[in-house]
Amino acid sequence: MKIKYISITILVVVVSVAVYLFGFGKSKTNIKIESSKVFRGDLVVTVRATGTAIPKNRLEIKPPIAGRVESILVNEGNQVGRGKIIAWMSSTERAALLDAARAKGEDELKKWEDFYKPTPVISPLRGLVIASNISPGQTVTQQDILYVLSDNLMIQAKVDETDLSKIKIGQIANVTVDSYSDSPIRAKVFHIGYEAVTENNVTMYNVDLTLNSIPDYLRSGMSITIDFILSEEREVLLLPNEFVKGSGGKGKVIKKIEGELVETTVTIGRSDEQNTAILSGVEENEIVYRKKKIQEEKKTSSGGPFSSPKMPKR
């Protein structure tokens, strides 16, 4: 009798575990029918990369002599012309003479200022002052950098080697400054690097672009998103990608014909991340369908196979 009782208990436990493992917690699959309307729109196929705004020509201005900065004529953000005087400075000897003359009075100082002229610092190119590292009265050596000039800002993109074959000289791109994402700028590829750079174990190549216009807010070092345009099509028939099957120009869509969902053949074009161009086989505003599988979770008891559904809540 005792053995029979133990056997029944073991059987109950095994059945409970089996029901829990193979019955509860499993999901069942349902099919949901979704629809979409064929619509007209623009299809822009791009390759995306990240990059940075950098000076096209970056030039560091160093003092022609060691000495003291007497006055500065331009500041960061100013445009300067080629040959323009951007600062005045005294040699170490002139600075010492003027300091001694200043102690003897204004007339003596003026005499030595007229006799011993200061040395100009001249801009060698036309461009923008992107850094100014000096102040009046500052003592400098010939190795110190007074100013940094840039003639123009450009964009340098880092393109994954798997996408490099899609990039060509003269190709148009949309450039977006990450901190001004609502203002895309048109740019053109003018150089593709020959030497690879490796970042995070990914091989990339530098691709340089010129901007059609340089906005006032653009600064050297800003982070940029670049969308290289592979193709642009205007006012074409489009469907969301999930409603189209196929590739290589041949596709399938599901239509409702005489009340039945029927898979029909269409001709497809390019696709972007959201939509696919439909070249033939459907008409504008026509409705197409798709069958979407939905995983529905079964309700499970909260405490496993040994919990009691009649357990009172605390």
Protein backbone atom coordinates (compact mmCIF):
# COMPACT_ATOMS: atom_id res chain seq x y z
CA MET A 1 0.00 0.00 0.00
CA LYS A 2 2.83 2.30 0.90
CA ILE A 3 4.64 1.55 -2.39
CA LYS A 4 1.48 2.29 -4.33
CA TYR A 5 1.08 5.65 -2.60
CA ILE A 6 4.68 6.63 -3.40
CA SER A 7 4.26 5.65 -7.07
CA ILE A 8 1.11 7.75 -7.40
CA THR A 9 2.90 10.74 -5.85
CA ILE A 10 5.85 10.44 -8.23
CA LEU A 11 3.50 10.15 -11.20
CA VAL A 12 1.63 13.29 -10.15
CA VAL A 13 4.90 15.22 -9.84
CA VAL A 14 6.14 14.03 -13.27
CA VAL A 15 2.85 14.93 -14.94
CA SER A 16 2.86 18.37 -13.29
CA VAL A 17 6.40 19.11 -14.49
CA ALA A 18 5.58 17.89 -18.01
CA VAL A 19 2.48 20.05 -18.20
CA TYR A 20 4.46 23.07 -17.06
CA LEU A 21 7.38 22.52 -19.42
CA PHE A 22 5.44 21.59 -22.52
CA GLY A 23 2.14 23.26 -21.96
CA PHE A 24 2.46 26.47 -20.01
CA GLY A 25 4.80 29.25 -21.14
CA LYS A 26 4.73 28.24 -24.80
CA SER A 27 3.49 30.70 -27.34
CA LYS A 28 1.27 30.15 -30.33
CA THR A 29 1.56 31.86 -33.69
CA ASN A 30 -1.26 33.89 -35.17
CA ILE A 31 -1.46 35.48 -38.59
CA LYS A 32 -2.47 39.12 -38.87
CA ILE A 33 -3.38 40.71 -42.20
CA GLU A 34 -1.98 44.21 -42.73
CA SER A 35 -2.54 46.52 -45.68
CA SER A 36 -0.78 49.44 -47.31
CA LYS A 37 -1.62 51.81 -50.15
CA VAL A 38 0.67 52.30 -53.15
CA PHE A 39 1.78 55.94 -53.06
CA ARG A 40 3.99 58.38 -54.96
CA GLY A 41 7.08 59.89 -53.41
CA ASP A 42 10.80 60.51 -53.69
CA LEU A 43 13.29 57.69 -53.30
CA VAL A 44 16.83 58.65 -52.32
CA VAL A 45 19.28 55.77 -51.95
CA THR A 46 22.33 56.68 -49.89
CA VAL A 47 25.39 55.32 -48.16
CA ARG A 48 25.89 56.82 -44.72
CA ALA A 49 29.19 57.65 -43.06
CA THR A 50 30.42 59.84 -40.25
CA GLY A 51 33.08 62.51 -40.46
CA THR A 52 34.48 65.79 -39.22
CA ALA A 53 34.76 69.37 -40.42
CA ILE A 54 38.45 70.18 -40.91
CA PRO A 55 40.44 73.06 -42.45
CA LYS A 56 41.30 72.50 -46.09
CA ASN A 57 44.61 74.29 -45.57
CA ARG A 58 45.64 74.78 -41.96
CA LEU A 59 48.50 77.19 -41.41
CA GLU A 60 50.19 78.00 -38.11
CA ILE A 61 51.60 81.52 -37.88
CA LYS A 62 54.80 81.79 -35.85
CA PRO A 63 56.59 85.05 -34.92
CA PRO A 64 59.36 86.24 -37.26
CA ILE A 65 61.49 87.14 -34.24
CA ALA A 66 61.60 86.35 -30.55
CA GLY A 67 60.35 89.18 -28.38
CA ARG A 68 57.17 90.78 -27.09
CA VAL A 69 53.73 91.16 -28.68
CA GLU A 70 52.87 94.89 -28.75
CA SER A 71 49.41 94.77 -30.30
CA ILE A 72 47.07 92.31 -31.98
CA LEU A 73 44.92 93.43 -34.91
CA VAL A 74 42.72 90.36 -35.52
CA ASN A 75 40.95 87.87 -33.31
CA GLU A 76 39.52 84.38 -33.61
CA GLY A 77 36.71 84.29 -36.18
CA ASN A 78 38.02 87.25 -38.22
CA GLN A 79 38.62 86.96 -41.95
CA VAL A 80 42.06 88.18 -43.04
CA GLY A 81 43.50 88.97 -46.43
CA ARG A 82 46.80 87.80 -47.83
CA GLY A 83 49.60 90.21 -46.88
CA LYS A 84 47.54 91.87 -44.14
CA ILE A 85 49.34 92.88 -40.91
CA ILE A 86 47.71 90.88 -38.11
CA ALA A 87 49.97 91.86 -35.16
CA TRP A 88 52.89 94.07 -34.17
CA MET A 89 55.77 92.90 -32.01
CA SER A 90 59.10 94.10 -30.66
CA SER A 91 62.33 92.17 -30.67
CA THR A 92 63.82 91.39 -27.28
CA GLU A 93 66.30 94.31 -27.71
CA ARG A 94 63.59 96.81 -28.75
CA ALA A 95 61.36 95.78 -25.86
CA ALA A 96 64.24 96.36 -23.40
CA LEU A 97 65.05 99.79 -24.93
CA LEU A 98 61.42 100.92 -24.82
CA ASP A 99 61.02 99.83 -21.21
CA ALA A 100 64.14 101.84 -20.26
CA ALA A 101 62.95 104.88 -22.26
CA ARG A 102 59.49 104.72 -20.72
CA ALA A 103 61.07 105.19 -17.31
CA LYS A 104 62.63 108.47 -18.56
CA GLY A 105 59.40 110.00 -19.77
CA GLU A 106 57.07 110.23 -22.77
CA ASP A 107 59.44 112.25 -24.96
CA GLU A 108 62.22 109.70 -24.57
CA LEU A 109 59.77 106.86 -25.27
CA LYS A 110 58.46 108.54 -28.43
CA LYS A 111 62.00 109.15 -29.67
CA TRP A 112 62.90 105.48 -29.40
CA GLU A 113 59.56 104.31 -30.85
CA ASP A 114 60.19 106.48 -33.93
CA PHE A 115 63.82 105.40 -34.20
CA TYR A 116 63.31 101.67 -33.62
CA LYS A 117 60.19 100.52 -35.50
CA PRO A 118 58.21 97.42 -34.45
CA THR A 119 58.11 94.28 -36.56
CA PRO A 120 54.85 93.32 -38.29
CA VAL A 121 53.34 89.83 -38.32
CA ILE A 122 51.85 89.32 -41.80
CA SER A 123 49.19 86.86 -42.94
CA PRO A 124 50.59 84.69 -45.78
CA LEU A 125 47.12 83.75 -47.11
CA ARG A 126 43.52 84.80 -47.21
CA GLY A 127 41.40 82.92 -44.73
CA LEU A 128 39.75 82.62 -41.37
CA VAL A 129 41.47 82.93 -37.99
CA ILE A 130 40.45 79.68 -36.27
CA ALA A 131 42.76 80.07 -33.26
CA SER A 132 44.47 83.01 -31.57
CA ASN A 133 47.03 82.22 -28.90
CA ILE A 134 48.49 85.64 -28.05
CA SER A 135 47.74 88.70 -25.95
CA PRO A 136 49.37 92.17 -25.93
CA GLY A 137 52.49 92.22 -23.76
CA GLN A 138 53.05 88.48 -24.09
CA THR A 139 56.67 87.33 -24.55
CA VAL A 140 57.09 84.75 -27.31
CA THR A 141 59.79 82.66 -28.92
CA GLN A 142 60.06 81.78 -32.60
CA GLN A 143 58.63 78.34 -31.85
CA ASP A 144 55.39 79.67 -30.36
CA ILE A 145 52.21 79.63 -32.48
CA LEU A 146 50.57 83.05 -32.65
CA TYR A 147 47.61 82.28 -34.91
CA VAL A 148 46.12 79.36 -36.81
CA LEU A 149 44.56 80.23 -40.19
CA SER A 150 42.32 78.21 -42.45
CA ASP A 151 41.44 79.18 -46.02
CA ASN A 152 38.28 77.02 -46.13
CA LEU A 153 36.53 74.33 -44.15
CA MET A 154 35.88 70.98 -45.77
CA ILE A 155 34.41 67.64 -44.68
CA GLN A 156 36.43 64.49 -44.20
CA ALA A 157 34.31 61.33 -44.07
CA LYS A 158 35.46 57.91 -42.91
CA VAL A 159 33.97 55.31 -45.26
CA ASP A 160 33.94 51.58 -44.50
CA GLU A 161 35.94 49.62 -47.05
CA THR A 162 32.82 47.58 -47.93
CA ASP A 163 31.09 50.79 -49.10
CA LEU A 164 34.09 52.37 -50.84
CA SER A 165 33.18 50.92 -54.26
CA LYS A 166 29.97 52.99 -54.17
CA ILE A 167 31.83 56.31 -53.76
CA LYS A 168 33.00 58.23 -56.84
CA ILE A 169 34.81 61.51 -57.49
CA GLY A 170 32.21 64.24 -58.10
CA GLN A 171 29.47 62.33 -56.26
CA ILE A 172 26.92 64.49 -54.43
CA ALA A 173 26.25 64.04 -50.73
CA ASN A 174 24.02 65.56 -48.09
CA VAL A 175 26.02 66.73 -45.09
CA THR A 176 24.40 67.28 -41.72
CA VAL A 177 26.14 68.83 -38.74
CA ASP A 178 25.07 66.69 -35.80
CA SER A 179 24.31 69.70 -33.60
CA TYR A 180 22.29 71.38 -36.43
CA SER A 181 20.45 68.33 -37.75
CA ASP A 182 17.69 70.37 -39.43
CA SER A 183 20.06 72.06 -41.86
CA PRO A 184 21.55 69.63 -44.44
CA ILE A 185 24.20 71.05 -46.77
CA ARG A 186 25.08 69.81 -50.26
CA ALA A 187 28.68 68.71 -50.79
CA LYS A 188 30.75 67.03 -53.51
CA VAL A 189 33.45 64.35 -53.30
CA PHE A 190 36.82 65.61 -54.56
CA HIS A 191 39.29 63.12 -53.11
CA ILE A 192 39.26 59.46 -52.03
CA GLY A 193 42.13 58.40 -49.80
CA TYR A 194 44.55 55.68 -50.87
CA GLU A 195 45.79 54.74 -47.42
CA ALA A 196 43.54 52.83 -45.05
CA VAL A 197 42.93 53.90 -41.49
CA THR A 198 41.83 51.42 -38.84
CA GLU A 199 39.38 52.39 -36.12
CA ASN A 200 37.96 49.85 -33.67
CA ASN A 201 39.32 47.04 -35.88
CA VAL A 202 37.36 48.39 -38.88
CA THR A 203 39.25 49.33 -42.05
CA MET A 204 38.17 52.71 -43.42
CA TYR A 205 39.25 55.25 -46.01
CA ASN A 206 39.16 59.03 -45.79
CA VAL A 207 36.89 60.70 -48.35
CA ASP A 208 37.13 64.50 -48.70
CA LEU A 209 34.19 66.70 -49.72
CA THR A 210 33.84 70.38 -50.55
CA LEU A 211 30.76 72.23 -49.34
CA ASN A 212 28.56 74.17 -51.75
CA SER A 213 28.17 76.79 -49.04
CA ILE A 214 29.80 77.13 -45.65
CA PRO A 215 27.31 78.14 -42.93
CA ASP A 216 28.37 80.58 -40.23
CA TYR A 217 27.81 78.00 -37.50
CA LEU A 218 30.26 75.46 -38.94
CA ARG A 219 33.43 75.08 -36.89
CA SER A 220 36.53 72.96 -37.31
CA GLY A 221 36.22 69.68 -35.43
CA MET A 222 32.40 69.48 -35.52
CA SER A 223 30.94 65.98 -35.91
CA ILE A 224 29.24 65.42 -39.27
CA THR A 225 26.90 62.81 -40.78
CA ILE A 226 27.37 62.30 -44.53
CA ASP A 227 24.80 60.64 -46.81
CA PHE A 228 26.45 59.84 -50.15
CA ILE A 229 23.67 59.86 -52.76
CA LEU A 230 23.66 56.76 -54.98
CA SER A 231 20.42 57.61 -56.76
CA GLU A 232 17.54 60.11 -56.58
CA GLU A 233 14.14 59.40 -58.07
CA ARG A 234 11.24 61.83 -57.86
CA GLU A 235 7.52 61.05 -57.76
CA VAL A 236 7.81 57.28 -58.23
CA LEU A 237 5.39 54.59 -57.02
CA LEU A 238 6.49 53.30 -53.63
CA LEU A 239 5.58 50.58 -51.17
CA PRO A 240 6.98 49.90 -47.70
CA ASN A 241 9.72 47.27 -47.91
CA GLU A 242 7.85 44.78 -45.75
CA PHE A 243 5.05 44.54 -48.36
CA VAL A 244 7.41 43.55 -51.19
CA LYS A 245 9.32 40.32 -51.67
CA GLY A 246 12.04 39.73 -54.23
CA SER A 247 15.19 41.28 -55.68
CA GLY A 248 16.95 41.88 -58.98
CA GLY A 249 13.98 43.67 -60.50
CA LYS A 250 11.44 40.89 -59.89
CA GLY A 251 9.09 41.08 -56.93
CA LYS A 252 5.89 39.75 -55.43
CA VAL A 253 3.06 41.56 -53.67
CA ILE A 254 -0.24 40.30 -52.32
CA LYS A 255 -3.45 41.74 -53.76
CA LYS A 256 -7.08 40.96 -53.01
CA ILE A 257 -8.73 39.53 -56.13
CA GLU A 258 -12.40 38.52 -55.93
CA GLY A 259 -12.17 38.40 -52.16
CA GLU A 260 -9.08 36.20 -52.08
CA LEU A 261 -5.52 37.22 -51.21
CA VAL A 262 -3.40 36.38 -54.25
CA GLU A 263 0.35 36.78 -54.70
CA THR A 264 1.08 38.64 -57.94
CA THR A 265 4.26 39.58 -59.81
CA VAL A 266 5.54 43.17 -60.00
CA THR A 267 8.65 44.85 -61.33
CA ILE A 268 10.67 46.55 -58.63
CA GLY A 269 13.38 49.20 -58.68
CA ARG A 270 15.74 50.48 -56.03
CA SER A 271 15.06 50.44 -52.31
CA ASP A 272 16.08 52.63 -49.43
CA GLU A 273 15.79 51.78 -45.75
CA GLN A 274 11.99 52.22 -45.79
CA ASN A 275 10.49 51.91 -49.26
CA THR A 276 10.86 50.09 -52.58
CA ALA A 277 10.14 51.61 -55.98
CA ILE A 278 7.49 49.71 -58.00
CA LEU A 279 8.01 50.05 -61.72
CA SER A 280 5.00 48.04 -62.91
CA GLY A 281 2.29 45.68 -61.67
CA VAL A 282 0.42 48.04 -59.35
CA GLU A 283 -1.27 51.41 -59.63
CA GLU A 284 -1.26 54.45 -57.39
CA ASN A 285 -3.62 54.13 -54.38
CA GLU A 286 -4.04 50.38 -54.96
CA ILE A 287 -4.16 48.36 -51.72
CA VAL A 288 -1.71 45.51 -51.13
CA TYR A 289 -1.54 43.17 -48.17
CA ARG A 290 0.88 41.13 -46.15
CA LYS A 291 0.56 38.31 -43.66
CA LYS A 292 2.33 39.12 -40.43
CA LYS A 293 3.09 36.42 -37.91
CA ILE A 294 2.34 37.38 -34.32
CA GLN A 295 3.70 35.41 -31.39
CA GLU A 296 1.05 35.30 -28.68
CA GLU A 297 2.25 34.30 -25.23
CA LYS A 298 0.04 31.94 -23.20
CA LYS A 299 -0.79 32.99 -19.72
CA THR A 300 1.21 31.11 -17.13
CA SER A 301 0.69 30.51 -13.48
CA SER A 302 2.91 32.73 -11.37
CA GLY A 303 4.51 30.10 -9.22
CA GLY A 304 5.37 27.20 -11.53
CA PRO A 305 3.92 23.67 -11.52
CA PHE A 306 3.74 23.36 -7.77
CA SER A 307 1.99 26.64 -7.02
CA SER A 308 -1.62 26.62 -6.02
CA PRO A 309 -4.11 28.80 -7.94
CA LYS A 310 -6.10 29.05 -4.77
CA MET A 311 -3.24 30.60 -2.84
CA PRO A 312 -4.66 33.71 -1.14
CA LYS A 313 -3.11 37.02 -2.05
CA ARG A 314 -1.30 38.90 0.68
